[in-house]
Amino acid sequence: MPHLSIEYSQGLEARADVADLCRSLHAVMVASPVFPTAGLRVRAYRADHAIVADAQADNDFLAMTLSVGAGRDTQVLRTAGDALFAAAQAALAEPLSTPHFALSLEIRVIDPELSWKDTPIHARLSGTT
């Protein structure tokens, strides 16, 4: 883990490069000493059907959820979240300059007793295969 899931409104694709945003956020996570590269996942999903705020046609949103394993200090996660949010703000400067956009980030800590994994990628990247 960490897995960054991005959900966004369909109209945002005309105003922002979502693939480029994913690459930028991935680069921030790779550069962070907090997250193991083998655990990184960045994925984006378009919400084909969404009603945003007051239902104006030009309203858009992008919501990020970062799921991480337990054991990291809150301040460490806050610093990582600040870096991710700043990168998203930079990539989404155009829609953020309008009164018709909402950007959010939430970090969720996963309970290790309720999380199952089988990821040979970790062994490959650590050189233990």
Protein backbone atom coordinates (compact mmCIF):
# COMPACT_ATOMS: atom_id res chain seq x y z
CA MET A 1 0.00 0.00 0.00
CA PRO A 2 -0.26 3.17 -0.59
CA HIS A 3 -3.01 3.27 -3.15
CA LEU A 4 -4.27 6.59 -4.50
CA SER A 5 -7.74 6.36 -6.01
CA ILE A 6 -9.05 9.31 -7.98
CA GLU A 7 -12.68 9.79 -8.90
CA TYR A 8 -13.63 12.68 -11.17
CA SER A 9 -16.60 14.06 -13.08
CA GLN A 10 -16.85 13.41 -16.78
CA GLY A 11 -16.69 17.10 -17.72
CA LEU A 12 -13.25 17.48 -16.13
CA GLU A 13 -11.61 15.65 -19.04
CA ALA A 14 -12.21 18.71 -21.24
CA ARG A 15 -10.50 20.96 -18.69
CA ALA A 16 -7.61 18.88 -17.37
CA ASP A 17 -5.24 16.09 -18.40
CA VAL A 18 -6.12 13.35 -15.92
CA ALA A 19 -3.37 11.01 -17.17
CA ASP A 20 -0.79 13.74 -16.60
CA LEU A 21 -2.22 14.37 -13.14
CA CYS A 22 -1.79 10.66 -12.33
CA ARG A 23 1.84 10.77 -13.48
CA SER A 24 2.49 13.90 -11.37
CA LEU A 25 0.95 12.37 -8.26
CA HIS A 26 2.85 9.12 -8.78
CA ALA A 27 6.10 11.10 -9.03
CA VAL A 28 5.32 12.84 -5.73
CA MET A 29 4.71 9.48 -4.08
CA VAL A 30 7.90 7.95 -5.51
CA ALA A 31 9.91 10.94 -4.25
CA SER A 32 8.48 10.59 -0.76
CA PRO A 33 10.52 8.52 1.70
CA VAL A 34 7.23 7.48 3.32
CA PHE A 35 5.94 5.12 0.64
CA PRO A 36 7.55 1.95 -0.74
CA THR A 37 7.58 2.06 -4.54
CA ALA A 38 6.43 -1.54 -4.85
CA GLY A 39 3.21 -0.70 -3.04
CA LEU A 40 2.29 2.35 -5.11
CA ARG A 41 -0.91 2.36 -7.11
CA VAL A 42 -2.41 5.44 -8.73
CA ARG A 43 -5.68 4.94 -10.52
CA ALA A 44 -8.38 7.26 -11.80
CA TYR A 45 -12.04 6.55 -12.47
CA ARG A 46 -14.41 8.81 -14.34
CA ALA A 47 -17.89 9.14 -12.88
CA ASP A 48 -20.02 9.04 -16.00
CA HIS A 49 -23.07 10.06 -14.00
CA ALA A 50 -22.61 12.71 -11.34
CA ILE A 51 -24.51 15.69 -10.03
CA VAL A 52 -22.18 18.21 -8.45
CA ALA A 53 -23.32 20.81 -5.90
CA ASP A 54 -26.14 22.91 -7.40
CA ALA A 55 -26.30 20.73 -10.55
CA GLN A 56 -24.95 23.37 -12.93
CA ALA A 57 -23.70 21.70 -16.10
CA ASP A 58 -20.19 23.17 -15.77
CA ASN A 59 -19.64 21.95 -12.19
CA ASP A 60 -16.86 19.37 -11.88
CA PHE A 61 -15.07 17.55 -9.07
CA LEU A 62 -11.99 15.46 -8.44
CA ALA A 63 -11.84 13.45 -5.21
CA MET A 64 -8.67 11.64 -4.14
CA THR A 65 -8.52 8.91 -1.51
CA LEU A 66 -5.11 7.71 -0.36
CA SER A 67 -5.28 4.37 1.42
CA VAL A 68 -2.19 3.52 3.47
CA GLY A 69 -1.14 0.75 5.79
CA ALA A 70 -1.04 1.40 9.52
CA GLY A 71 2.10 2.47 11.34
CA ARG A 72 2.82 5.92 9.96
CA ASP A 73 2.75 8.95 12.22
CA THR A 74 -0.06 11.45 11.58
CA GLN A 75 2.39 14.29 10.90
CA VAL A 76 4.27 12.15 8.36
CA LEU A 77 0.99 11.43 6.57
CA ARG A 78 0.00 15.10 6.76
CA THR A 79 3.29 16.12 5.11
CA ALA A 80 2.79 13.55 2.36
CA GLY A 81 -0.82 14.66 1.93
CA ASP A 82 0.26 18.31 1.69
CA ALA A 83 2.69 17.40 -1.12
CA LEU A 84 0.06 15.40 -3.00
CA PHE A 85 -2.58 18.10 -2.62
CA ALA A 86 -0.17 20.82 -3.80
CA ALA A 87 0.70 18.75 -6.89
CA ALA A 88 -2.98 18.26 -7.64
CA GLN A 89 -3.65 21.98 -7.19
CA ALA A 90 -0.85 22.80 -9.63
CA ALA A 91 -2.09 20.31 -12.22
CA LEU A 92 -5.67 21.50 -11.83
CA ALA A 93 -4.99 25.24 -11.71
CA GLU A 94 -7.39 26.01 -14.56
CA PRO A 95 -10.49 24.36 -13.12
CA LEU A 96 -9.58 25.66 -9.65
CA SER A 97 -9.59 29.19 -11.06
CA THR A 98 -13.35 28.88 -11.65
CA PRO A 99 -16.23 28.76 -9.15
CA HIS A 100 -17.38 25.43 -10.61
CA PHE A 101 -14.82 22.94 -9.28
CA ALA A 102 -14.25 20.96 -6.10
CA LEU A 103 -10.97 19.21 -5.23
CA SER A 104 -10.50 16.95 -2.21
CA LEU A 105 -8.05 14.51 -0.65
CA GLU A 106 -8.68 12.07 2.17
CA ILE A 107 -6.12 9.74 3.72
CA ARG A 108 -7.41 6.46 5.13
CA VAL A 109 -5.34 4.17 7.34
CA ILE A 110 -6.08 0.50 6.73
CA ASP A 111 -6.40 -1.84 9.72
CA PRO A 112 -3.76 -4.57 9.11
CA GLU A 113 -5.99 -7.24 10.64
CA LEU A 114 -8.60 -6.51 7.98
CA SER A 115 -6.31 -6.33 4.94
CA TRP A 116 -5.10 -9.27 2.80
CA LYS A 117 -2.33 -9.02 0.20
CA ASP A 118 -0.38 -11.28 -2.12
CA THR A 119 2.01 -9.07 -4.09
CA PRO A 120 5.03 -10.66 -5.77
CA ILE A 121 5.91 -7.19 -7.08
CA HIS A 122 7.38 -6.40 -3.65
CA ALA A 123 9.81 -9.31 -3.87
CA ARG A 124 10.81 -8.39 -7.44
CA LEU A 125 11.51 -4.75 -6.58
CA SER A 126 13.39 -5.63 -3.39
CA GLY A 127 15.53 -8.16 -5.28
CA THR A 128 14.46 -11.14 -3.15
CA THR A 129 13.00 -13.23 -5.99
